[in-house]
Amino acid sequence: MPQEHLKTLIFILLPPVMLAVGMGAAIQGAWLPELPQGLVEILPWLMGMLAGVLAFVYGRTRTLICVILVLVVYLSSMFQIRPMAMAPGTDLLPALGYALMTLLVPLVFMINAIWSERYHLMMDLLIRLAVFGTLPGMAVLFATQFPEGMADLLLTTHLPALHWDGYGMPQLSFWSLILCLAGMGFFLVKHPSPQWAGQWITLAGIGWILPQLFHAYAMPLYTATLLLILAIAVVHESFQMAFRDDLTGLPGRRALNERLQRLGRHYAIAMTDVDHFKKFNDTHGHDLGDQVLRVVAAQLRKVSGGGKAYRYGGEEFTIVFPGKTAEECVIHLEAVREAIESYEIAIRDGNTRPDNKREGRARRGQGRDKTVSVTISMGVAERSLERPDPESVIKAADQALYAAKEAGRNQVRVAE
């Protein structure tokens, strides 16, 4: 896994995991102060309203469905749906209700997470509600019509060697939870995002509270915590959309403007431009042009010396060096420039690409693909009496960038 990918995963997972684990530990250890019962009971609904409104306003249908599922589990605790011993003559319906809920909630969570958000918000929401309402509806119908057969299927431990009795859930429900957590975890690692992280942690939290539905004090507090995590995930993802460039993954222009306001008195700013990018786009197409921007951004992200890269716009990037002079930045900029110059990008011929993925993997590294490389030009300037604000420093760095281009490109120039 690339280092930057791992950092992103840790960044989006750490806060909600700490919140969920911290609340769980506080509840288990009875470290929380005694709260009024009325406040405890209303907290899940307040947090559910907050998360639901945020999800609706920002068009996050999947998160809205997750909020509904969490509240359904909470309602189940209020109606005392819990596992029951299957003694002769015992009413099987409450036990079947618990088994169905613990089996279906993880499945619906995973299907909802994988199901991409399409159409209009209300249409998407109604389709999901119809699909996810039909599934448990049919299961409940079968449970009421054939309770003994459903009990044999859902409440029986079919493979004792693969069951953990201490967990307190039927075997099928337990493995439904484990497999759905694994499936969602795979997508989370592959495509890290706050929404995926929030949903995965929420499902893990539900897996923790489902065997403890009888715990009257823990249920509302932990339910409120999970709903708060979903609300935070919506805000976090919206923040990323506003401040992070989607193509390159670098912080965008808005994030740069925020950073420029807090630079202090000593700093340097470098402006970077991909050489002949328009000609490259016209020759090789926009798809390869986008790949070039991603490659350049990945190298700029590695800049040393305390610099931080931003996408300024188009093929232009900005690197901010707090506490540095322009001359001190040159060695770090030269290292990045050389890394980009030596990086080879494969041009794959769509006409000769095999349809079979296995054959395509076997052909990799056999030299059949053409490669291209790009270069960048850089201009760097520092704050001074003549350039007292970030705007004037950027202007001077831009002038140095144009001087580098006029001098033959693929070089770093320091502003006069």
Protein backbone atom coordinates (compact mmCIF):
# COMPACT_ATOMS: atom_id res chain seq x y z
CA MET A 1 0.00 0.00 0.00
CA PRO A 2 1.46 3.43 -0.94
CA GLN A 3 2.54 5.52 2.02
CA GLU A 4 0.25 8.42 1.13
CA HIS A 5 -2.69 6.03 0.76
CA LEU A 6 -1.95 4.61 4.21
CA LYS A 7 -1.74 8.11 5.71
CA THR A 8 -5.12 9.01 4.23
CA LEU A 9 -6.66 5.83 5.63
CA ILE A 10 -5.28 6.50 9.11
CA PHE A 11 -6.34 10.15 8.95
CA ILE A 12 -9.99 9.35 8.20
CA LEU A 13 -10.21 6.30 10.50
CA LEU A 14 -8.43 7.45 13.65
CA PRO A 15 -10.88 10.09 15.01
CA PRO A 16 -14.11 8.03 14.66
CA VAL A 17 -12.39 4.88 15.93
CA MET A 18 -11.14 6.75 19.00
CA LEU A 19 -14.63 8.15 19.59
CA ALA A 20 -16.33 4.75 19.24
CA VAL A 21 -13.77 2.86 21.31
CA GLY A 22 -13.62 5.60 23.95
CA MET A 23 -17.38 5.62 24.44
CA GLY A 24 -17.47 1.83 24.52
CA ALA A 25 -14.75 1.70 27.15
CA ALA A 26 -16.48 4.41 29.21
CA ILE A 27 -19.77 2.51 29.14
CA GLN A 28 -18.19 -0.84 29.96
CA GLY A 29 -16.11 0.64 32.77
CA ALA A 30 -19.01 2.71 34.14
CA TRP A 31 -16.83 5.83 33.91
CA LEU A 32 -19.62 8.10 32.66
CA PRO A 33 -21.43 10.37 35.10
CA GLU A 34 -25.02 9.50 35.91
CA LEU A 35 -27.23 11.33 33.42
CA PRO A 36 -30.98 12.01 33.68
CA GLN A 37 -32.88 9.11 32.15
CA GLY A 38 -34.95 11.44 29.94
CA LEU A 39 -31.80 12.99 28.45
CA VAL A 40 -30.24 9.58 27.83
CA GLU A 41 -33.35 8.33 26.02
CA ILE A 42 -33.66 11.40 23.79
CA LEU A 43 -29.98 11.58 22.78
CA PRO A 44 -30.24 9.00 19.94
CA TRP A 45 -33.13 10.90 18.38
CA LEU A 46 -31.29 14.23 18.60
CA MET A 47 -28.15 12.75 17.05
CA GLY A 48 -30.26 10.92 14.46
CA MET A 49 -31.95 14.18 13.50
CA LEU A 50 -28.58 15.92 13.22
CA ALA A 51 -27.03 13.17 11.08
CA GLY A 52 -30.18 12.80 8.97
CA VAL A 53 -30.47 16.52 8.23
CA LEU A 54 -26.77 16.77 7.30
CA ALA A 55 -27.03 13.69 5.07
CA PHE A 56 -30.14 15.09 3.37
CA VAL A 57 -28.70 18.59 2.87
CA TYR A 58 -25.44 17.27 1.40
CA GLY A 59 -27.15 14.60 -0.69
CA ARG A 60 -25.66 11.58 1.10
CA THR A 61 -28.36 8.94 0.57
CA ARG A 62 -26.19 6.09 1.83
CA THR A 63 -25.55 7.88 5.11
CA LEU A 64 -29.26 8.63 5.46
CA ILE A 65 -30.05 4.91 5.12
CA CYS A 66 -27.39 4.14 7.74
CA VAL A 67 -29.04 6.59 10.14
CA ILE A 68 -32.37 4.81 9.63
CA LEU A 69 -30.77 1.41 10.23
CA VAL A 70 -29.13 2.54 13.47
CA LEU A 71 -32.43 3.93 14.72
CA VAL A 72 -34.17 0.66 13.76
CA VAL A 73 -31.70 -1.25 15.92
CA TYR A 74 -32.31 1.21 18.75
CA LEU A 75 -36.09 0.81 18.41
CA SER A 76 -35.61 -2.95 18.56
CA SER A 77 -33.94 -2.55 21.93
CA MET A 78 -36.92 -0.54 23.18
CA PHE A 79 -39.26 -3.36 22.14
CA GLN A 80 -37.04 -5.88 23.96
CA ILE A 81 -36.15 -7.91 20.86
CA ARG A 82 -33.40 -10.21 22.11
CA PRO A 83 -32.21 -13.81 21.85
CA MET A 84 -34.36 -16.34 23.71
CA ALA A 85 -33.89 -19.94 24.72
CA MET A 86 -35.71 -22.36 22.45
CA ALA A 87 -37.44 -24.36 25.15
CA PRO A 88 -40.39 -26.58 24.16
CA GLY A 89 -43.54 -24.53 23.85
CA THR A 90 -41.66 -21.21 23.76
CA ASP A 91 -42.92 -18.58 21.33
CA LEU A 92 -40.28 -18.53 18.61
CA LEU A 93 -41.24 -15.18 17.05
CA PRO A 94 -39.23 -12.88 19.38
CA ALA A 95 -36.12 -15.03 18.96
CA LEU A 96 -36.68 -15.16 15.19
CA GLY A 97 -37.12 -11.38 15.16
CA TYR A 98 -33.73 -10.97 16.82
CA ALA A 99 -32.09 -13.50 14.49
CA LEU A 100 -33.53 -11.82 11.40
CA MET A 101 -32.45 -8.36 12.54
CA THR A 102 -28.90 -9.43 13.37
CA LEU A 103 -28.67 -11.29 10.05
CA LEU A 104 -30.15 -8.61 7.78
CA VAL A 105 -28.79 -5.38 9.25
CA PRO A 106 -25.14 -6.14 8.26
CA LEU A 107 -26.25 -7.30 4.80
CA VAL A 108 -28.27 -4.14 4.21
CA PHE A 109 -25.35 -2.04 5.49
CA MET A 110 -22.97 -3.59 2.97
CA ILE A 111 -25.38 -3.48 0.02
CA ASN A 112 -26.21 0.14 0.80
CA ALA A 113 -22.50 1.07 1.03
CA ILE A 114 -21.63 -0.58 -2.30
CA TRP A 115 -24.73 0.78 -4.05
CA SER A 116 -23.56 4.04 -5.64
CA GLU A 117 -25.66 7.18 -5.26
CA ARG A 118 -27.54 7.95 -8.47
CA TYR A 119 -30.63 9.76 -9.69
CA HIS A 120 -32.32 12.53 -7.74
CA LEU A 121 -31.91 12.43 -3.96
CA MET A 122 -35.56 11.63 -3.23
CA MET A 123 -35.81 9.04 -6.01
CA ASP A 124 -32.61 7.36 -4.83
CA LEU A 125 -33.89 7.34 -1.25
CA LEU A 126 -37.29 5.90 -2.22
CA ILE A 127 -35.70 3.13 -4.33
CA ARG A 128 -33.41 2.15 -1.46
CA LEU A 129 -36.25 2.19 1.06
CA ALA A 130 -38.37 0.04 -1.28
CA VAL A 131 -35.59 -2.51 -1.81
CA PHE A 132 -34.48 -2.62 1.81
CA GLY A 133 -38.05 -2.72 3.04
CA THR A 134 -39.01 -5.61 0.76
CA LEU A 135 -36.13 -7.82 1.94
CA PRO A 136 -37.00 -7.87 5.67
CA GLY A 137 -40.70 -7.86 4.84
CA MET A 138 -40.38 -11.13 2.97
CA ALA A 139 -38.20 -12.57 5.73
CA VAL A 140 -40.79 -11.66 8.37
CA LEU A 141 -43.53 -13.22 6.22
CA PHE A 142 -41.62 -16.49 6.02
CA ALA A 143 -40.91 -16.37 9.77
CA THR A 144 -44.59 -15.98 10.62
CA GLN A 145 -45.69 -18.65 8.16
CA PHE A 146 -42.96 -21.20 8.84
CA PRO A 147 -41.57 -20.38 12.30
CA GLU A 148 -40.11 -23.82 13.05
CA GLY A 149 -38.33 -24.11 9.71
CA MET A 150 -36.93 -20.58 9.99
CA ALA A 151 -35.85 -21.33 13.57
CA ASP A 152 -33.96 -24.41 12.41
CA LEU A 153 -32.23 -22.29 9.76
CA LEU A 154 -31.48 -19.12 11.75
CA LEU A 155 -31.10 -20.25 15.35
CA THR A 156 -29.23 -23.51 14.89
CA THR A 157 -25.45 -23.68 15.23
CA HIS A 158 -24.69 -25.55 12.02
CA LEU A 159 -20.89 -25.70 12.43
CA PRO A 160 -19.94 -25.63 16.12
CA ALA A 161 -16.23 -25.40 15.29
CA LEU A 162 -16.86 -22.05 13.56
CA HIS A 163 -18.98 -20.47 16.25
CA TRP A 164 -18.27 -18.33 19.29
CA ASP A 165 -20.97 -18.97 21.90
CA GLY A 166 -19.68 -16.16 24.11
CA TYR A 167 -20.61 -13.54 21.54
CA GLY A 168 -24.31 -14.10 22.07
CA MET A 169 -25.55 -14.10 18.48
CA PRO A 170 -26.79 -16.96 16.26
CA GLN A 171 -24.13 -18.44 14.00
CA LEU A 172 -25.58 -17.16 10.72
CA SER A 173 -25.93 -13.67 12.17
CA PHE A 174 -22.37 -13.74 13.51
CA TRP A 175 -20.90 -14.69 10.15
CA SER A 176 -23.13 -12.21 8.34
CA LEU A 177 -21.57 -9.49 10.50
CA ILE A 178 -17.99 -10.75 10.02
CA LEU A 179 -18.26 -11.14 6.24
CA CYS A 180 -19.97 -7.77 5.75
CA LEU A 181 -17.33 -6.02 7.89
CA ALA A 182 -14.63 -7.71 5.80
CA GLY A 183 -16.31 -6.71 2.53
CA MET A 184 -16.80 -3.10 3.55
CA GLY A 185 -13.29 -3.02 4.99
CA PHE A 186 -11.89 -4.09 1.62
CA PHE A 187 -13.63 -1.20 -0.14
CA LEU A 188 -12.56 1.20 2.61
CA VAL A 189 -8.89 0.25 2.18
CA LYS A 190 -9.16 0.43 -1.61
CA HIS A 191 -11.04 3.75 -1.69
CA PRO A 192 -10.52 5.58 1.62
CA SER A 193 -13.17 8.19 2.26
CA PRO A 194 -14.85 9.60 5.39
CA GLN A 195 -18.22 8.19 4.29
CA TRP A 196 -16.83 4.64 3.95
CA ALA A 197 -15.00 4.98 7.27
CA GLY A 198 -18.11 6.25 9.08
CA GLN A 199 -20.29 3.44 7.75
CA TRP A 200 -17.72 0.73 8.51
CA ILE A 201 -17.21 1.93 12.08
CA THR A 202 -20.97 2.26 12.56
CA LEU A 203 -21.50 -1.35 11.47
CA ALA A 204 -18.71 -2.48 13.81
CA GLY A 205 -20.40 -0.53 16.61
CA ILE A 206 -23.74 -2.15 15.84
CA GLY A 207 -21.99 -5.51 16.00
CA TRP A 208 -20.85 -4.56 19.49
CA ILE A 209 -24.26 -3.49 20.79
CA LEU A 210 -26.48 -6.12 19.15
CA PRO A 211 -25.64 -8.82 21.70
CA GLN A 212 -26.23 -6.22 24.46
CA LEU A 213 -29.73 -5.07 23.53
CA PHE A 214 -30.80 -5.68 27.12
CA HIS A 215 -28.40 -2.99 28.43
CA ALA A 216 -30.82 -0.11 29.03
CA TYR A 217 -28.18 2.55 29.77
CA ALA A 218 -25.58 1.59 27.18
CA MET A 219 -27.89 1.34 24.17
CA PRO A 220 -28.99 4.98 23.88
CA LEU A 221 -25.54 6.38 24.67
CA TYR A 222 -23.70 4.17 22.20
CA THR A 223 -26.42 4.63 19.57
CA ALA A 224 -26.02 8.39 19.90
CA THR A 225 -22.25 7.97 19.49
CA LEU A 226 -22.66 5.98 16.25
CA LEU A 227 -25.06 8.57 14.86
CA LEU A 228 -22.61 11.33 15.79
CA ILE A 229 -19.89 9.45 13.87
CA LEU A 230 -22.15 9.38 10.79
CA ALA A 231 -22.78 13.12 11.13
CA ILE A 232 -19.05 13.82 11.42
CA ALA A 233 -18.40 11.66 8.33
CA VAL A 234 -20.80 13.80 6.28
CA VAL A 235 -19.10 17.02 7.41
CA HIS A 236 -15.62 15.56 6.88
CA GLU A 237 -16.40 14.37 3.35
CA SER A 238 -17.99 17.70 2.44
CA PHE A 239 -14.91 19.47 3.78
CA GLN A 240 -12.68 17.29 1.62
CA MET A 241 -14.79 17.99 -1.46
CA ALA A 242 -14.46 21.72 -0.83
CA PHE A 243 -10.76 21.83 0.06
CA ARG A 244 -9.21 18.88 -1.81
CA ASP A 245 -8.72 18.51 -5.54
CA ASP A 246 -10.53 15.39 -6.73
CA LEU A 247 -8.20 14.58 -9.65
CA THR A 248 -4.82 14.85 -7.93
CA GLY A 249 -5.75 14.38 -4.27
CA LEU A 250 -3.79 17.53 -3.34
CA PRO A 251 -5.34 20.36 -1.33
CA GLY A 252 -7.03 22.75 -3.72
CA ARG A 253 -7.13 26.50 -4.24
CA ARG A 254 -9.48 27.10 -1.32
CA ALA A 255 -7.18 25.21 1.05
CA LEU A 256 -4.23 27.26 -0.28
CA ASN A 257 -6.06 30.52 0.40
CA GLU A 258 -6.73 29.38 3.97
CA ARG A 259 -3.06 28.46 4.44
CA LEU A 260 -1.79 31.78 3.07
CA GLN A 261 -3.61 33.63 5.84
CA ARG A 262 -1.55 31.85 8.53
CA LEU A 263 1.98 31.89 7.18
CA GLY A 264 3.65 34.29 9.59
CA ARG A 265 6.55 36.58 8.59
CA HIS A 266 9.06 34.19 7.00
CA TYR A 267 8.11 31.94 4.12
CA ALA A 268 8.73 31.14 0.47
CA ILE A 269 6.28 30.13 -2.24
CA ALA A 270 7.04 28.21 -5.43
CA MET A 271 4.86 28.20 -8.53
CA THR A 272 5.08 25.11 -10.75
CA ASP A 273 3.84 24.51 -14.29
CA VAL A 274 3.90 21.38 -16.48
CA ASP A 275 5.87 22.15 -19.63
CA HIS A 276 4.00 21.98 -22.97
CA PHE A 277 0.95 20.53 -21.25
CA LYS A 278 -1.55 21.78 -23.84
CA LYS A 279 0.49 20.24 -26.65
CA PHE A 280 0.74 17.00 -24.65
CA ASN A 281 -3.04 16.94 -24.20
CA ASP A 282 -3.65 17.58 -27.91
CA THR A 283 -1.22 14.80 -28.87
CA HIS A 284 -2.08 12.06 -26.37
CA GLY A 285 -5.58 12.94 -25.18
CA HIS A 286 -7.07 14.21 -21.95
CA ASP A 287 -7.04 10.83 -20.20
CA LEU A 288 -3.26 10.65 -20.37
CA GLY A 289 -3.14 14.35 -19.52
CA ASP A 290 -5.03 13.60 -16.31
CA GLN A 291 -2.59 10.78 -15.58
CA VAL A 292 0.29 13.22 -16.01
CA LEU A 293 -1.26 15.63 -13.51
CA ARG A 294 -1.67 12.80 -11.02
CA VAL A 295 1.96 11.74 -11.48
CA VAL A 296 3.22 15.32 -11.05
CA ALA A 297 1.03 15.79 -7.98
CA ALA A 298 2.29 12.53 -6.44
CA GLN A 299 5.90 13.71 -6.81
CA LEU A 300 5.16 17.22 -5.56
CA ARG A 301 3.50 15.69 -2.50
CA LYS A 302 6.88 14.16 -1.61
CA VAL A 303 8.70 17.52 -1.57
CA SER A 304 11.08 17.80 1.36
CA GLY A 305 12.14 20.81 3.40
CA GLY A 306 8.78 21.28 5.08
CA GLY A 307 7.03 22.23 1.83
CA LYS A 308 3.38 21.46 1.13
CA ALA A 309 1.97 21.22 -2.38
CA TYR A 310 -1.40 22.57 -3.58
CA ARG A 311 -3.13 22.47 -6.93
CA TYR A 312 -3.40 26.07 -8.04
CA GLY A 313 -5.47 25.37 -11.14
CA GLY A 314 -5.12 23.60 -14.51
CA GLU A 315 -1.53 22.35 -14.82
CA GLU A 316 -0.24 24.81 -12.22
CA PHE A 317 0.75 23.86 -8.68
CA THR A 318 1.90 25.83 -5.67
CA ILE A 319 4.35 24.75 -2.98
CA VAL A 320 4.44 26.65 0.32
CA PHE A 321 7.59 26.59 2.47
CA PRO A 322 7.00 28.11 5.93
CA GLY A 323 10.13 29.53 7.60
CA LYS A 324 12.32 29.14 4.49
CA THR A 325 14.13 31.51 2.14
CA ALA A 326 13.90 31.08 -1.62
CA GLU A 327 17.52 29.91 -1.83
CA GLU A 328 16.92 27.27 0.85
CA CYS A 329 14.01 25.88 -1.17
CA VAL A 330 15.95 25.39 -4.41
CA ILE A 331 17.59 22.09 -3.42
CA HIS A 332 14.20 20.60 -2.49
CA LEU A 333 12.55 21.87 -5.68
CA GLU A 334 15.39 20.53 -7.82
CA ALA A 335 14.95 17.08 -6.29
CA VAL A 336 11.26 17.06 -7.22
CA ARG A 337 11.95 18.42 -10.70
CA GLU A 338 14.50 15.67 -11.38
CA ALA A 339 12.15 12.98 -10.05
CA ILE A 340 9.40 14.10 -12.44
CA GLU A 341 11.81 14.35 -15.38
CA SER A 342 12.98 10.76 -14.87
CA TYR A 343 9.50 9.32 -14.34
CA GLU A 344 8.23 7.33 -17.33
CA ILE A 345 4.51 7.11 -18.04
CA ALA A 346 3.27 4.17 -20.11
CA ILE A 347 1.06 4.82 -23.13
CA ARG A 348 -1.06 1.75 -23.66
CA ASP A 349 -2.40 1.02 -27.09
CA GLY A 350 -6.11 0.30 -26.76
CA ASN A 351 -6.13 -1.62 -30.07
CA THR A 352 -3.54 -4.17 -28.93
CA ARG A 353 -4.62 -4.42 -25.28
CA PRO A 354 -5.85 -7.97 -24.56
CA ASP A 355 -9.44 -8.41 -23.42
CA ASN A 356 -8.42 -11.05 -20.88
CA LYS A 357 -7.16 -9.46 -17.64
CA ARG A 358 -4.89 -12.42 -16.86
CA GLU A 359 -3.19 -12.08 -20.25
CA GLY A 360 -2.85 -8.35 -19.69
CA ARG A 361 -1.10 -8.92 -16.37
CA ALA A 362 1.21 -11.45 -17.98
CA ARG A 363 2.26 -8.91 -20.62
CA ARG A 364 3.22 -6.23 -18.13
CA GLY A 365 6.86 -5.28 -18.08
CA GLN A 366 7.55 -6.82 -21.52
CA GLY A 367 8.27 -3.47 -23.15
CA ARG A 368 5.25 -3.47 -25.45
CA ASP A 369 3.94 -0.13 -24.19
CA LYS A 370 5.43 3.18 -25.27
CA THR A 371 6.46 5.57 -22.54
CA VAL A 372 6.55 9.33 -22.30
CA SER A 373 7.89 11.72 -19.71
CA VAL A 374 7.16 15.32 -18.86
CA THR A 375 9.11 18.12 -17.27
CA ILE A 376 8.14 21.02 -15.06
CA SER A 377 9.34 24.58 -14.65
CA MET A 378 9.45 26.31 -11.28
CA GLY A 379 9.71 29.81 -9.93
CA VAL A 380 10.22 30.57 -6.24
CA ALA A 381 10.07 33.78 -4.25
CA GLU A 382 10.24 34.70 -0.58
CA ARG A 383 8.55 37.33 1.57
CA SER A 384 10.47 40.58 1.81
CA LEU A 385 9.92 44.30 2.37
CA GLU A 386 9.08 44.66 -1.32
CA ARG A 387 6.74 41.66 -1.14
CA PRO A 388 5.00 41.94 2.23
CA ASP A 389 1.99 39.68 1.53
CA PRO A 390 1.38 36.24 -0.02
CA GLU A 391 -0.25 37.73 -3.13
CA SER A 392 2.86 39.69 -4.04
CA VAL A 393 5.09 36.69 -3.28
CA ILE A 394 2.98 34.50 -5.59
CA LYS A 395 3.18 37.18 -8.29
CA ALA A 396 6.98 37.27 -7.99
CA ALA A 397 7.17 33.45 -8.07
CA ASP A 398 4.96 33.48 -11.17
CA GLN A 399 7.32 35.94 -12.88
CA ALA A 400 10.26 33.67 -11.99
CA LEU A 401 8.31 30.73 -13.44
CA TYR A 402 7.87 32.54 -16.75
CA ALA A 403 11.56 33.40 -16.72
CA ALA A 404 12.33 29.68 -16.33
CA LYS A 405 10.09 28.89 -19.31
CA GLU A 406 11.71 31.56 -21.47
CA ALA A 407 15.13 30.21 -20.55
CA GLY A 408 14.31 26.78 -21.93
CA ARG A 409 11.96 25.20 -19.34
CA ASN A 410 12.68 22.23 -17.03
CA GLN A 411 14.47 24.35 -14.43
CA VAL A 412 14.05 26.29 -11.19
CA ARG A 413 14.37 30.07 -11.09
CA VAL A 414 14.55 32.28 -8.02
CA ALA A 415 12.75 35.63 -8.15
CA GLU A 416 15.04 38.63 -8.32
